[in-house]
Amino acid sequence: MQIESCIRSAQGLNQEKKLRYGIWDRIAVRILRGAEEEMKYKDDLWVPAAYTIEASLIISISLLLIAGGILLSFEVFRAGAESVRSIAGQFRGRSPSEAADRFRLARAAADVIGNLRGK
């Protein structure tokens, strides 16, 4: 009789615990199960690292290409500015009619070169 009352009181205490801590127990079990699932794939932890390295390499290469494009555009601009200066130097100190003749001649030469490249 005394044993039965001890068992009943233990069961009552157990029921009280389930009511009080049941949700936290369920959460803990879910967390542990999730950790077990992740541990199954612990050998695949290199995959996110590989993606991170790949992304950083792509970004680095993209930045290098952008910087190269900017430097190339400055070089082209500088070369174009030198061409304009050299052409302007040919016209400087000349009479307007002579400058116009030289300009027409240069334009005709550019057209001929353009036609030759097109064919």
PDB file of N, CA and C in Angstrom:
ATOM      1  N   MET A   1       0.803  -1.183   0.000  1.00  0.00           N
ATOM      2  CA  MET A   1       0.000   0.000   0.000  1.00  0.00           C
ATOM      3  C   MET A   1       0.855   1.260   0.000  1.00  0.00           C
ATOM      4  N   GLN A   2       1.856   1.231   0.819  1.00  0.00           N
ATOM      5  CA  GLN A   2       2.733   2.381   0.871  1.00  0.00           C
ATOM      6  C   GLN A   2       3.508   2.517  -0.442  1.00  0.00           C
ATOM      7  N   ILE A   3       3.882   1.422  -1.058  1.00  0.00           N
ATOM      8  CA  ILE A   3       4.601   1.450  -2.340  1.00  0.00           C
ATOM      9  C   ILE A   3       3.707   2.037  -3.420  1.00  0.00           C
ATOM     10  N   GLU A   4       2.430   1.627  -3.399  1.00  0.00           N
ATOM     11  CA  GLU A   4       1.510   2.138  -4.410  1.00  0.00           C
ATOM     12  C   GLU A   4       1.329   3.646  -4.277  1.00  0.00           C
ATOM     13  N   SER A   5       1.269   4.138  -3.071  1.00  0.00           N
ATOM     14  CA  SER A   5       1.110   5.586  -2.886  1.00  0.00           C
ATOM     15  C   SER A   5       2.371   6.329  -3.344  1.00  0.00           C
ATOM     16  N   CYS A   6       3.518   5.740  -3.092  1.00  0.00           N
ATOM     17  CA  CYS A   6       4.776   6.351  -3.585  1.00  0.00           C
ATOM     18  C   CYS A   6       4.792   6.398  -5.103  1.00  0.00           C
ATOM     19  N   ILE A   7       4.333   5.305  -5.732  1.00  0.00           N
ATOM     20  CA  ILE A   7       4.304   5.263  -7.200  1.00  0.00           C
ATOM     21  C   ILE A   7       3.332   6.314  -7.725  1.00  0.00           C
ATOM     22  N   ARG A   8       2.144   6.410  -7.076  1.00  0.00           N
ATOM     23  CA  ARG A   8       1.157   7.404  -7.517  1.00  0.00           C
ATOM     24  C   ARG A   8       1.695   8.822  -7.348  1.00  0.00           C
ATOM     25  N   SER A   9       2.346   9.084  -6.237  1.00  0.00           N
ATOM     26  CA  SER A   9       2.890  10.430  -6.033  1.00  0.00           C
ATOM     27  C   SER A   9       4.004  10.728  -7.037  1.00  0.00           C
ATOM     28  N   ALA A  10       4.796   9.715  -7.344  1.00  0.00           N
ATOM     29  CA  ALA A  10       5.840   9.900  -8.362  1.00  0.00           C
ATOM     30  C   ALA A  10       5.221  10.152  -9.724  1.00  0.00           C
ATOM     31  N   GLN A  11       4.150   9.420 -10.031  1.00  0.00           N
ATOM     32  CA  GLN A  11       3.477   9.643 -11.308  1.00  0.00           C
ATOM     33  C   GLN A  11       2.856  11.037 -11.354  1.00  0.00           C
ATOM     34  N   GLY A  12       2.284  11.461 -10.236  1.00  0.00           N
ATOM     35  CA  GLY A  12       1.715  12.813 -10.180  1.00  0.00           C
ATOM     36  C   GLY A  12       2.786  13.869 -10.375  1.00  0.00           C
ATOM     37  N   LEU A  13       3.927  13.665  -9.728  1.00  0.00           N
ATOM     38  CA  LEU A  13       5.044  14.595  -9.893  1.00  0.00           C
ATOM     39  C   LEU A  13       5.520  14.607 -11.339  1.00  0.00           C
ATOM     40  N   ASN A  14       5.563  13.417 -11.937  1.00  0.00           N
ATOM     41  CA  ASN A  14       5.974  13.307 -13.334  1.00  0.00           C
ATOM     42  C   ASN A  14       4.987  14.048 -14.244  1.00  0.00           C
ATOM     43  N   GLN A  15       3.666  13.908 -13.972  1.00  0.00           N
ATOM     44  CA  GLN A  15       2.658  14.609 -14.767  1.00  0.00           C
ATOM     45  C   GLN A  15       2.816  16.123 -14.609  1.00  0.00           C
ATOM     46  N   GLU A  16       3.076  16.550 -13.383  1.00  0.00           N
ATOM     47  CA  GLU A  16       3.255  17.985 -13.131  1.00  0.00           C
ATOM     48  C   GLU A  16       4.467  18.514 -13.897  1.00  0.00           C
ATOM     49  N   LYS A  17       5.536  17.726 -13.892  1.00  0.00           N
ATOM     50  CA  LYS A  17       6.737  18.125 -14.643  1.00  0.00           C
ATOM     51  C   LYS A  17       6.437  18.216 -16.128  1.00  0.00           C
ATOM     52  N   LYS A  18       5.682  17.241 -16.633  1.00  0.00           N
ATOM     53  CA  LYS A  18       5.351  17.254 -18.058  1.00  0.00           C
ATOM     54  C   LYS A  18       4.564  18.502 -18.413  1.00  0.00           C
ATOM     55  N   LEU A  19       3.645  18.886 -17.535  1.00  0.00           N
ATOM     56  CA  LEU A  19       2.862  20.082 -17.814  1.00  0.00           C
ATOM     57  C   LEU A  19       3.725  21.335 -17.759  1.00  0.00           C
ATOM     58  N   ARG A  20       4.631  21.361 -16.784  1.00  0.00           N
ATOM     59  CA  ARG A  20       5.433  22.554 -16.592  1.00  0.00           C
ATOM     60  C   ARG A  20       6.576  22.650 -17.609  1.00  0.00           C
ATOM     61  N   TYR A  21       7.261  21.557 -17.859  1.00  0.00           N
ATOM     62  CA  TYR A  21       8.462  21.577 -18.692  1.00  0.00           C
ATOM     63  C   TYR A  21       8.264  20.915 -20.048  1.00  0.00           C
ATOM     64  N   GLY A  22       7.064  20.511 -20.360  1.00  0.00           N
ATOM     65  CA  GLY A  22       6.834  19.754 -21.584  1.00  0.00           C
ATOM     66  C   GLY A  22       7.279  20.468 -22.842  1.00  0.00           C
ATOM     67  N   ILE A  23       6.937  21.743 -22.954  1.00  0.00           N
ATOM     68  CA  ILE A  23       7.284  22.457 -24.193  1.00  0.00           C
ATOM     69  C   ILE A  23       8.790  22.605 -24.328  1.00  0.00           C
ATOM     70  N   TRP A  24       9.480  22.849 -23.201  1.00  0.00           N
ATOM     71  CA  TRP A  24      10.931  23.012 -23.263  1.00  0.00           C
ATOM     72  C   TRP A  24      11.608  21.688 -23.581  1.00  0.00           C
ATOM     73  N   ASP A  25      11.045  20.612 -23.055  1.00  0.00           N
ATOM     74  CA  ASP A  25      11.584  19.290 -23.390  1.00  0.00           C
ATOM     75  C   ASP A  25      11.442  19.022 -24.886  1.00  0.00           C
ATOM     76  N   ARG A  26      10.275  19.371 -25.417  1.00  0.00           N
ATOM     77  CA  ARG A  26      10.071  19.155 -26.858  1.00  0.00           C
ATOM     78  C   ARG A  26      11.040  19.989 -27.690  1.00  0.00           C
ATOM     79  N   ILE A  27      11.229  21.217 -27.260  1.00  0.00           N
ATOM     80  CA  ILE A  27      12.173  22.084 -27.989  1.00  0.00           C
ATOM     81  C   ILE A  27      13.585  21.509 -27.915  1.00  0.00           C
ATOM     82  N   ALA A  28      13.993  21.059 -26.724  1.00  0.00           N
ATOM     83  CA  ALA A  28      15.334  20.482 -26.570  1.00  0.00           C
ATOM     84  C   ALA A  28      15.495  19.243 -27.436  1.00  0.00           C
ATOM     85  N   VAL A  29      14.459  18.405 -27.485  1.00  0.00           N
ATOM     86  CA  VAL A  29      14.535  17.197 -28.312  1.00  0.00           C
ATOM     87  C   VAL A  29      14.670  17.571 -29.782  1.00  0.00           C
ATOM     88  N   ARG A  30      13.917  18.575 -30.208  1.00  0.00           N
ATOM     89  CA  ARG A  30      14.022  19.000 -31.619  1.00  0.00           C
ATOM     90  C   ARG A  30      15.407  19.546 -31.934  1.00  0.00           C
ATOM     91  N   ILE A  31      15.955  20.310 -31.011  1.00  0.00           N
ATOM     92  CA  ILE A  31      17.308  20.848 -31.221  1.00  0.00           C
ATOM     93  C   ILE A  31      18.319  19.714 -31.315  1.00  0.00           C
ATOM     94  N   LEU A  32      18.211  18.746 -30.403  1.00  0.00           N
ATOM     95  CA  LEU A  32      19.141  17.616 -30.428  1.00  0.00           C
ATOM     96  C   LEU A  32      18.990  16.800 -31.703  1.00  0.00           C
ATOM     97  N   ARG A  33      17.750  16.596 -32.150  1.00  0.00           N
ATOM     98  CA  ARG A  33      17.555  15.857 -33.400  1.00  0.00           C
ATOM     99  C   ARG A  33      18.146  16.618 -34.579  1.00  0.00           C
ATOM    100  N   GLY A  34      17.976  17.941 -34.569  1.00  0.00           N
ATOM    101  CA  GLY A  34      18.573  18.748 -35.634  1.00  0.00           C
ATOM    102  C   GLY A  34      20.086  18.658 -35.623  1.00  0.00           C
ATOM    103  N   ALA A  35      20.665  18.662 -34.409  1.00  0.00           N
ATOM    104  CA  ALA A  35      22.119  18.536 -34.308  1.00  0.00           C
ATOM    105  C   ALA A  35      22.575  17.176 -34.809  1.00  0.00           C
ATOM    106  N   GLU A  36      21.795  16.138 -34.507  1.00  0.00           N
ATOM    107  CA  GLU A  36      22.145  14.804 -35.011  1.00  0.00           C
ATOM    108  C   GLU A  36      22.087  14.769 -36.529  1.00  0.00           C
ATOM    109  N   GLU A  37      21.065  15.415 -37.106  1.00  0.00           N
ATOM    110  CA  GLU A  37      20.952  15.451 -38.570  1.00  0.00           C
ATOM    111  C   GLU A  37      22.150  16.178 -39.177  1.00  0.00           C
ATOM    112  N   GLU A  38      22.547  17.283 -38.545  1.00  0.00           N
ATOM    113  CA  GLU A  38      23.693  18.024 -39.062  1.00  0.00           C
ATOM    114  C   GLU A  38      24.982  17.224 -38.932  1.00  0.00           C
ATOM    115  N   MET A  39      25.098  16.457 -37.866  1.00  0.00           N
ATOM    116  CA  MET A  39      26.311  15.663 -37.684  1.00  0.00           C
ATOM    117  C   MET A  39      26.437  14.574 -38.744  1.00  0.00           C
ATOM    118  N   LYS A  40      25.312  14.156 -39.321  1.00  0.00           N
ATOM    119  CA  LYS A  40      25.391  13.179 -40.406  1.00  0.00           C
ATOM    120  C   LYS A  40      26.155  13.758 -41.585  1.00  0.00           C
ATOM    121  N   TYR A  41      26.029  15.068 -41.762  1.00  0.00           N
ATOM    122  CA  TYR A  41      26.629  15.719 -42.922  1.00  0.00           C
ATOM    123  C   TYR A  41      27.844  16.554 -42.539  1.00  0.00           C
ATOM    124  N   LYS A  42      28.491  16.205 -41.443  1.00  0.00           N
ATOM    125  CA  LYS A  42      29.632  17.006 -41.003  1.00  0.00           C
ATOM    126  C   LYS A  42      30.791  16.951 -41.995  1.00  0.00           C
ATOM    127  N   ASP A  43      30.861  15.894 -42.817  1.00  0.00           N
ATOM    128  CA  ASP A  43      31.931  15.817 -43.806  1.00  0.00           C
ATOM    129  C   ASP A  43      31.702  16.783 -44.958  1.00  0.00           C
ATOM    130  N   ASP A  44      30.490  17.302 -45.089  1.00  0.00           N
ATOM    131  CA  ASP A  44      30.175  18.226 -46.176  1.00  0.00           C
ATOM    132  C   ASP A  44      30.311  19.683 -45.764  1.00  0.00           C
ATOM    133  N   LEU A  45      30.985  19.957 -44.667  1.00  0.00           N
ATOM    134  CA  LEU A  45      31.133  21.336 -44.214  1.00  0.00           C
ATOM    135  C   LEU A  45      32.036  22.152 -45.130  1.00  0.00           C
ATOM    136  N   TRP A  46      32.825  21.502 -45.975  1.00  0.00           N
ATOM    137  CA  TRP A  46      33.703  22.229 -46.890  1.00  0.00           C
ATOM    138  C   TRP A  46      32.901  22.879 -48.012  1.00  0.00           C
ATOM    139  N   VAL A  47      31.690  22.432 -48.257  1.00  0.00           N
ATOM    140  CA  VAL A  47      30.895  22.962 -49.373  1.00  0.00           C
ATOM    141  C   VAL A  47      30.597  24.452 -49.191  1.00  0.00           C
ATOM    142  N   PRO A  48      30.081  24.910 -48.038  1.00  0.00           N
ATOM    143  CA  PRO A  48      29.862  26.352 -47.891  1.00  0.00           C
ATOM    144  C   PRO A  48      31.159  27.148 -47.979  1.00  0.00           C
ATOM    145  N   ALA A  49      32.243  26.584 -47.461  1.00  0.00           N
ATOM    146  CA  ALA A  49      33.527  27.278 -47.544  1.00  0.00           C
ATOM    147  C   ALA A  49      33.964  27.416 -48.995  1.00  0.00           C
ATOM    148  N   ALA A  50      33.740  26.389 -49.784  1.00  0.00           N
ATOM    149  CA  ALA A  50      34.108  26.457 -51.204  1.00  0.00           C
ATOM    150  C   ALA A  50      33.284  27.516 -51.918  1.00  0.00           C
ATOM    151  N   TYR A  51      31.995  27.595 -51.595  1.00  0.00           N
ATOM    152  CA  TYR A  51      31.160  28.624 -52.216  1.00  0.00           C
ATOM    153  C   TYR A  51      31.605  30.021 -51.805  1.00  0.00           C
ATOM    154  N   THR A  52      32.015  30.181 -50.567  1.00  0.00           N
ATOM    155  CA  THR A  52      32.490  31.480 -50.101  1.00  0.00           C
ATOM    156  C   THR A  52      33.765  31.873 -50.829  1.00  0.00           C
ATOM    157  N   ILE A  53      34.690  30.935 -50.967  1.00  0.00           N
ATOM    158  CA  ILE A  53      35.943  31.216 -51.674  1.00  0.00           C
ATOM    159  C   ILE A  53      35.660  31.522 -53.134  1.00  0.00           C
ATOM    160  N   GLU A  54      34.759  30.765 -53.749  1.00  0.00           N
ATOM    161  CA  GLU A  54      34.421  31.002 -55.157  1.00  0.00           C
ATOM    162  C   GLU A  54      33.812  32.387 -55.338  1.00  0.00           C
ATOM    163  N   ALA A  55      32.930  32.777 -54.447  1.00  0.00           N
ATOM    164  CA  ALA A  55      32.302  34.094 -54.547  1.00  0.00           C
ATOM    165  C   ALA A  55      33.333  35.202 -54.381  1.00  0.00           C
ATOM    166  N   SER A  56      34.265  35.032 -53.444  1.00  0.00           N
ATOM    167  CA  SER A  56      35.281  36.068 -53.248  1.00  0.00           C
ATOM    168  C   SER A  56      36.214  36.150 -54.449  1.00  0.00           C
ATOM    169  N   LEU A  57      36.521  35.013 -55.070  1.00  0.00           N
ATOM    170  CA  LEU A  57      37.349  35.047 -56.277  1.00  0.00           C
ATOM    171  C   LEU A  57      36.626  35.744 -57.422  1.00  0.00           C
ATOM    172  N   ILE A  58      35.356  35.462 -57.588  1.00  0.00           N
ATOM    173  CA  ILE A  58      34.588  36.107 -58.657  1.00  0.00           C
ATOM    174  C   ILE A  58      34.533  37.610 -58.438  1.00  0.00           C
ATOM    175  N   ILE A  59      34.313  38.027 -57.198  1.00  0.00           N
ATOM    176  CA  ILE A  59      34.269  39.462 -56.900  1.00  0.00           C
ATOM    177  C   ILE A  59      35.627  40.095 -57.151  1.00  0.00           C
ATOM    178  N   SER A  60      36.712  39.438 -56.752  1.00  0.00           N
ATOM    179  CA  SER A  60      38.057  39.985 -56.965  1.00  0.00           C
ATOM    180  C   SER A  60      38.368  40.123 -58.447  1.00  0.00           C
ATOM    181  N   ILE A  61      38.052  39.101 -59.218  1.00  0.00           N
ATOM    182  CA  ILE A  61      38.311  39.158 -60.660  1.00  0.00           C
ATOM    183  C   ILE A  61      37.469  40.252 -61.303  1.00  0.00           C
ATOM    184  N   SER A  62      36.228  40.389 -60.871  1.00  0.00           N
ATOM    185  CA  SER A  62      35.367  41.440 -61.418  1.00  0.00           C
ATOM    186  C   SER A  62      35.938  42.819 -61.125  1.00  0.00           C
ATOM    187  N   LEU A  63      36.410  43.012 -59.894  1.00  0.00           N
ATOM    188  CA  LEU A  63      36.994  44.309 -59.546  1.00  0.00           C
ATOM    189  C   LEU A  63      38.257  44.585 -60.353  1.00  0.00           C
ATOM    190  N   LEU A  64      39.068  43.556 -60.577  1.00  0.00           N
ATOM    191  CA  LEU A  64      40.269  43.742 -61.401  1.00  0.00           C
ATOM    192  C   LEU A  64      39.906  44.103 -62.834  1.00  0.00           C
ATOM    193  N   LEU A  65      38.885  43.453 -63.381  1.00  0.00           N
ATOM    194  CA  LEU A  65      38.456  43.769 -64.745  1.00  0.00           C
ATOM    195  C   LEU A  65      37.901  45.184 -64.838  1.00  0.00           C
ATOM    196  N   ILE A  66      37.159  45.605 -63.836  1.00  0.00           N
ATOM    197  CA  ILE A  66      36.631  46.975 -63.834  1.00  0.00           C
ATOM    198  C   ILE A  66      37.775  47.980 -63.764  1.00  0.00           C
ATOM    199  N   ALA A  67      38.749  47.721 -62.891  1.00  0.00           N
ATOM    200  CA  ALA A  67      39.899  48.625 -62.779  1.00  0.00           C
ATOM    201  C   ALA A  67      40.683  48.663 -64.088  1.00  0.00           C
ATOM    202  N   GLY A  68      40.861  47.503 -64.724  1.00  0.00           N
ATOM    203  CA  GLY A  68      41.555  47.467 -66.018  1.00  0.00           C
ATOM    204  C   GLY A  68      40.800  48.244 -67.077  1.00  0.00           C
ATOM    205  N   GLY A  69      39.483  48.132 -67.091  1.00  0.00           N
ATOM    206  CA  GLY A  69      38.674  48.891 -68.050  1.00  0.00           C
ATOM    207  C   GLY A  69      38.793  50.384 -67.836  1.00  0.00           C
ATOM    208  N   ILE A  70      38.811  50.798 -66.576  1.00  0.00           N
ATOM    209  CA  ILE A  70      38.957  52.228 -66.283  1.00  0.00           C
ATOM    210  C   ILE A  70      40.322  52.721 -66.734  1.00  0.00           C
ATOM    211  N   LEU A  71      41.376  51.962 -66.431  1.00  0.00           N
ATOM    212  CA  LEU A  71      42.718  52.371 -66.866  1.00  0.00           C
ATOM    213  C   LEU A  71      42.824  52.413 -68.386  1.00  0.00           C
ATOM    214  N   LEU A  72      42.231  51.435 -69.058  1.00  0.00           N
ATOM    215  CA  LEU A  72      42.253  51.411 -70.517  1.00  0.00           C
ATOM    216  C   LEU A  72      41.508  52.603 -71.099  1.00  0.00           C
ATOM    217  N   SER A  73      40.382  52.964 -70.495  1.00  0.00           N
ATOM    218  CA  SER A  73      39.643  54.121 -71.011  1.00  0.00           C
ATOM    219  C   SER A  73      40.447  55.402 -70.832  1.00  0.00           C
ATOM    220  N   PHE A  74      41.171  55.523 -69.710  1.00  0.00           N
ATOM    221  CA  PHE A  74      42.028  56.697 -69.536  1.00  0.00           C
ATOM    222  C   PHE A  74      43.142  56.718 -70.576  1.00  0.00           C
ATOM    223  N   GLU A  75      43.695  55.553 -70.880  1.00  0.00           N
ATOM    224  CA  GLU A  75      44.762  55.478 -71.885  1.00  0.00           C
ATOM    225  C   GLU A  75      44.237  55.869 -73.261  1.00  0.00           C
ATOM    226  N   VAL A  76      43.051  55.376 -73.608  1.00  0.00           N
ATOM    227  CA  VAL A  76      42.450  55.730 -74.898  1.00  0.00           C
ATOM    228  C   VAL A  76      42.156  57.219 -74.943  1.00  0.00           C
ATOM    229  N   PHE A  77      41.644  57.762 -73.838  1.00  0.00           N
ATOM    230  CA  PHE A  77      41.361  59.194 -73.792  1.00  0.00           C
ATOM    231  C   PHE A  77      42.640  59.999 -73.956  1.00  0.00           C
ATOM    232  N   ARG A  78      43.721  59.541 -73.305  1.00  0.00           N
ATOM    233  CA  ARG A  78      44.998  60.263 -73.408  1.00  0.00           C
ATOM    234  C   ARG A  78      45.528  60.215 -74.836  1.00  0.00           C
ATOM    235  N   ALA A  79      45.417  59.038 -75.465  1.00  0.00           N
ATOM    236  CA  ALA A  79      45.883  58.912 -76.852  1.00  0.00           C
ATOM    237  C   ALA A  79      45.045  59.790 -77.774  1.00  0.00           C
ATOM    238  N   GLY A  80      43.735  59.844 -77.536  1.00  0.00           N
ATOM    239  CA  GLY A  80      42.867  60.706 -78.341  1.00  0.00           C
ATOM    240  C   GLY A  80      43.211  62.171 -78.146  1.00  0.00           C
ATOM    241  N   ALA A  81      43.519  62.551 -76.912  1.00  0.00           N
ATOM    242  CA  ALA A  81      43.886  63.942 -76.636  1.00  0.00           C
ATOM    243  C   ALA A  81      45.197  64.301 -77.327  1.00  0.00           C
ATOM    244  N   GLU A  82      46.143  63.369 -77.362  1.00  0.00           N
ATOM    245  CA  GLU A  82      47.405  63.627 -78.069  1.00  0.00           C
ATOM    246  C   GLU A  82      47.163  63.789 -79.565  1.00  0.00           C
ATOM    247  N   SER A  83      46.260  62.998 -80.130  1.00  0.00           N
ATOM    248  CA  SER A  83      45.934  63.125 -81.554  1.00  0.00           C
ATOM    249  C   SER A  83      45.333  64.488 -81.839  1.00  0.00           C
ATOM    250  N   VAL A  84      44.425  64.910 -80.978  1.00  0.00           N
ATOM    251  CA  VAL A  84      43.797  66.226 -81.168  1.00  0.00           C
ATOM    252  C   VAL A  84      44.847  67.317 -81.056  1.00  0.00           C
ATOM    253  N   ARG A  85      45.768  67.191 -80.097  1.00  0.00           N
ATOM    254  CA  ARG A  85      46.829  68.197 -79.965  1.00  0.00           C
ATOM    255  C   ARG A  85      47.721  68.239 -81.195  1.00  0.00           C
ATOM    256  N   SER A  86      48.063  67.069 -81.720  1.00  0.00           N
ATOM    257  CA  SER A  86      48.934  67.063 -82.906  1.00  0.00           C
ATOM    258  C   SER A  86      48.206  67.653 -84.116  1.00  0.00           C
ATOM    259  N   ILE A  87      46.917  67.355 -84.257  1.00  0.00           N
ATOM    260  CA  ILE A  87      46.152  67.945 -85.370  1.00  0.00           C
ATOM    261  C   ILE A  87      46.020  69.446 -85.169  1.00  0.00           C
ATOM    262  N   ALA A  88      45.754  69.866 -83.930  1.00  0.00           N
ATOM    263  CA  ALA A  88      45.635  71.302 -83.653  1.00  0.00           C
ATOM    264  C   ALA A  88      46.962  72.003 -83.912  1.00  0.00           C
ATOM    265  N   GLY A  89      48.071  71.318 -83.624  1.00  0.00           N
ATOM    266  CA  GLY A  89      49.384  71.908 -83.889  1.00  0.00           C
ATOM    267  C   GLY A  89      49.624  72.117 -85.375  1.00  0.00           C
ATOM    268  N   GLN A  90      49.067  71.259 -86.211  1.00  0.00           N
ATOM    269  CA  GLN A  90      49.221  71.439 -87.655  1.00  0.00           C
ATOM    270  C   GLN A  90      48.446  72.656 -88.149  1.00  0.00           C
ATOM    271  N   PHE A  91      47.338  72.963 -87.498  1.00  0.00           N
ATOM    272  CA  PHE A  91      46.519  74.094 -87.938  1.00  0.00           C
ATOM    273  C   PHE A  91      46.948  75.412 -87.306  1.00  0.00           C
ATOM    274  N   ARG A  92      47.708  75.358 -86.245  1.00  0.00           N
ATOM    275  CA  ARG A  92      48.109  76.570 -85.548  1.00  0.00           C
ATOM    276  C   ARG A  92      49.081  77.372 -86.418  1.00  0.00           C
ATOM    277  N   GLY A  93      48.862  78.649 -86.483  1.00  0.00           N
ATOM    278  CA  GLY A  93      49.746  79.528 -87.245  1.00  0.00           C
ATOM    279  C   GLY A  93      49.471  79.528 -88.738  1.00  0.00           C
ATOM    280  N   ARG A  94      48.469  78.892 -89.185  1.00  0.00           N
ATOM    281  CA  ARG A  94      48.132  78.845 -90.613  1.00  0.00           C
ATOM    282  C   ARG A  94      46.969  79.793 -90.884  1.00  0.00           C
ATOM    283  N   SER A  95      46.837  80.148 -92.126  1.00  0.00           N
ATOM    284  CA  SER A  95      45.687  80.972 -92.513  1.00  0.00           C
ATOM    285  C   SER A  95      44.435  80.096 -92.490  1.00  0.00           C
ATOM    286  N   PRO A  96      43.267  80.699 -92.322  1.00  0.00           N
ATOM    287  CA  PRO A  96      42.037  79.909 -92.259  1.00  0.00           C
ATOM    288  C   PRO A  96      41.802  79.059 -93.505  1.00  0.00           C
ATOM    289  N   SER A  97      42.132  79.575 -94.676  1.00  0.00           N
ATOM    290  CA  SER A  97      41.894  78.786 -95.895  1.00  0.00           C
ATOM    291  C   SER A  97      42.846  77.590 -95.958  1.00  0.00           C
ATOM    292  N   GLU A  98      44.099  77.801 -95.553  1.00  0.00           N
ATOM    293  CA  GLU A  98      45.062  76.697 -95.556  1.00  0.00           C
ATOM    294  C   GLU A  98      44.666  75.639 -94.517  1.00  0.00           C
ATOM    295  N   ALA A  99      44.199  76.087 -93.356  1.00  0.00           N
ATOM    296  CA  ALA A  99      43.752  75.154 -92.320  1.00  0.00           C
ATOM    297  C   ALA A  99      42.549  74.356 -92.811  1.00  0.00           C
ATOM    298  N   ALA A 100      41.637  75.023 -93.513  1.00  0.00           N
ATOM    299  CA  ALA A 100      40.460  74.330 -94.046  1.00  0.00           C
ATOM    300  C   ALA A 100      40.876  73.299 -95.087  1.00  0.00           C
ATOM    301  N   ASP A 101      41.856  73.658 -95.928  1.00  0.00           N
ATOM    302  CA  ASP A 101      42.346  72.700 -96.931  1.00  0.00           C
ATOM    303  C   ASP A 101      42.963  71.472 -96.254  1.00  0.00           C
ATOM    304  N   ARG A 102      43.783  71.708 -95.237  1.00  0.00           N
ATOM    305  CA  ARG A 102      44.400  70.582 -94.531  1.00  0.00           C
ATOM    306  C   ARG A 102      43.333  69.707 -93.850  1.00  0.00           C
ATOM    307  N   PHE A 103      42.317  70.384 -93.288  1.00  0.00           N
ATOM    308  CA  PHE A 103      41.251  69.628 -92.630  1.00  0.00           C
ATOM    309  C   PHE A 103      40.506  68.766 -93.642  1.00  0.00           C
ATOM    310  N   ARG A 104      40.185  69.326 -94.808  1.00  0.00           N
ATOM    311  CA  ARG A 104      39.501  68.544 -95.848  1.00  0.00           C
ATOM    312  C   ARG A 104      40.362  67.371 -96.293  1.00  0.00           C
ATOM    313  N   LEU A 105      41.671  67.613 -96.446  1.00  0.00           N
ATOM    314  CA  LEU A 105      42.584  66.550 -96.851  1.00  0.00           C
ATOM    315  C   LEU A 105      42.620  65.432 -95.791  1.00  0.00           C
ATOM    316  N   ALA A 106      42.689  65.824 -94.521  1.00  0.00           N
ATOM    317  CA  ALA A 106      42.704  64.827 -93.440  1.00  0.00           C
ATOM    318  C   ALA A 106      41.384  64.063 -93.403  1.00  0.00           C
ATOM    319  N   ARG A 107      40.278  64.755 -93.649  1.00  0.00           N
ATOM    320  CA  ARG A 107      38.963  64.100 -93.659  1.00  0.00           C
ATOM    321  C   ARG A 107      38.874  63.094 -94.802  1.00  0.00           C
ATOM    322  N   ALA A 108      39.378  63.498 -95.980  1.00  0.00           N
ATOM    323  CA  ALA A 108      39.355  62.596 -97.134  1.00  0.00           C
ATOM    324  C   ALA A 108      40.231  61.369 -96.872  1.00  0.00           C
ATOM    325  N   ALA A 109      41.388  61.579 -96.229  1.00  0.00           N
ATOM    326  CA  ALA A 109      42.282  60.460 -95.914  1.00  0.00           C
ATOM    327  C   ALA A 109      41.608  59.509 -94.919  1.00  0.00           C
ATOM    328  N   ALA A 110      40.906  60.073 -93.949  1.00  0.00           N
ATOM    329  CA  ALA A 110      40.199  59.229 -92.976  1.00  0.00           C
ATOM    330  C   ALA A 110      39.093  58.433 -93.661  1.00  0.00           C
ATOM    331  N   ASP A 111      38.393  59.038 -94.611  1.00  0.00           N
ATOM    332  CA  ASP A 111      37.342  58.318 -95.348  1.00  0.00           C
ATOM    333  C   ASP A 111      37.927  57.181 -96.169  1.00  0.00           C
ATOM    334  N   VAL A 112      39.067  57.437 -96.822  1.00  0.00           N
ATOM    335  CA  VAL A 112      39.708  56.396 -97.632  1.00  0.00           C
ATOM    336  C   VAL A 112      40.148  55.235 -96.743  1.00  0.00           C
ATOM    337  N   ILE A 113      40.749  55.556 -95.607  1.00  0.00           N
ATOM    338  CA  ILE A 113      41.193  54.499 -94.685  1.00  0.00           C
ATOM    339  C   ILE A 113      39.993  53.712 -94.172  1.00  0.00           C
ATOM    340  N   GLY A 114      38.896  54.411 -93.862  1.00  0.00           N
ATOM    341  CA  GLY A 114      37.686  53.730 -93.413  1.00  0.00           C
ATOM    342  C   GLY A 114      37.127  52.806 -94.473  1.00  0.00           C
ATOM    343  N   ASN A 115      37.150  53.237 -95.734  1.00  0.00           N
ATOM    344  CA  ASN A 115      36.657  52.384 -96.822  1.00  0.00           C
ATOM    345  C   ASN A 115      37.549  51.161 -97.011  1.00  0.00           C
ATOM    346  N   LEU A 116      38.864  51.349 -96.893  1.00  0.00           N
ATOM    347  CA  LEU A 116      39.779  50.216 -97.038  1.00  0.00           C
ATOM    348  C   LEU A 116      39.584  49.200 -95.906  1.00  0.00           C
ATOM    349  N   ARG A 117      39.354  49.670 -94.711  1.00  0.00           N
ATOM    350  CA  ARG A 117      39.128  48.757 -93.584  1.00  0.00           C
ATOM    351  C   ARG A 117      37.803  48.027 -93.734  1.00  0.00           C
ATOM    352  N   GLY A 118      36.826  48.693 -94.314  1.00  0.00           N
ATOM    353  CA  GLY A 118      35.520  48.073 -94.491  1.00  0.00           C
ATOM    354  C   GLY A 118      35.534  46.979 -95.532  1.00  0.00           C
ATOM    355  N   LYS A 119      36.450  47.013 -96.466  1.00  0.00           N
ATOM    356  CA  LYS A 119      36.481  46.005 -97.543  1.00  0.00           C
ATOM    357  C   LYS A 119      37.421  44.887 -97.232  1.00  0.00           C
TER     358      LYS A 119
END
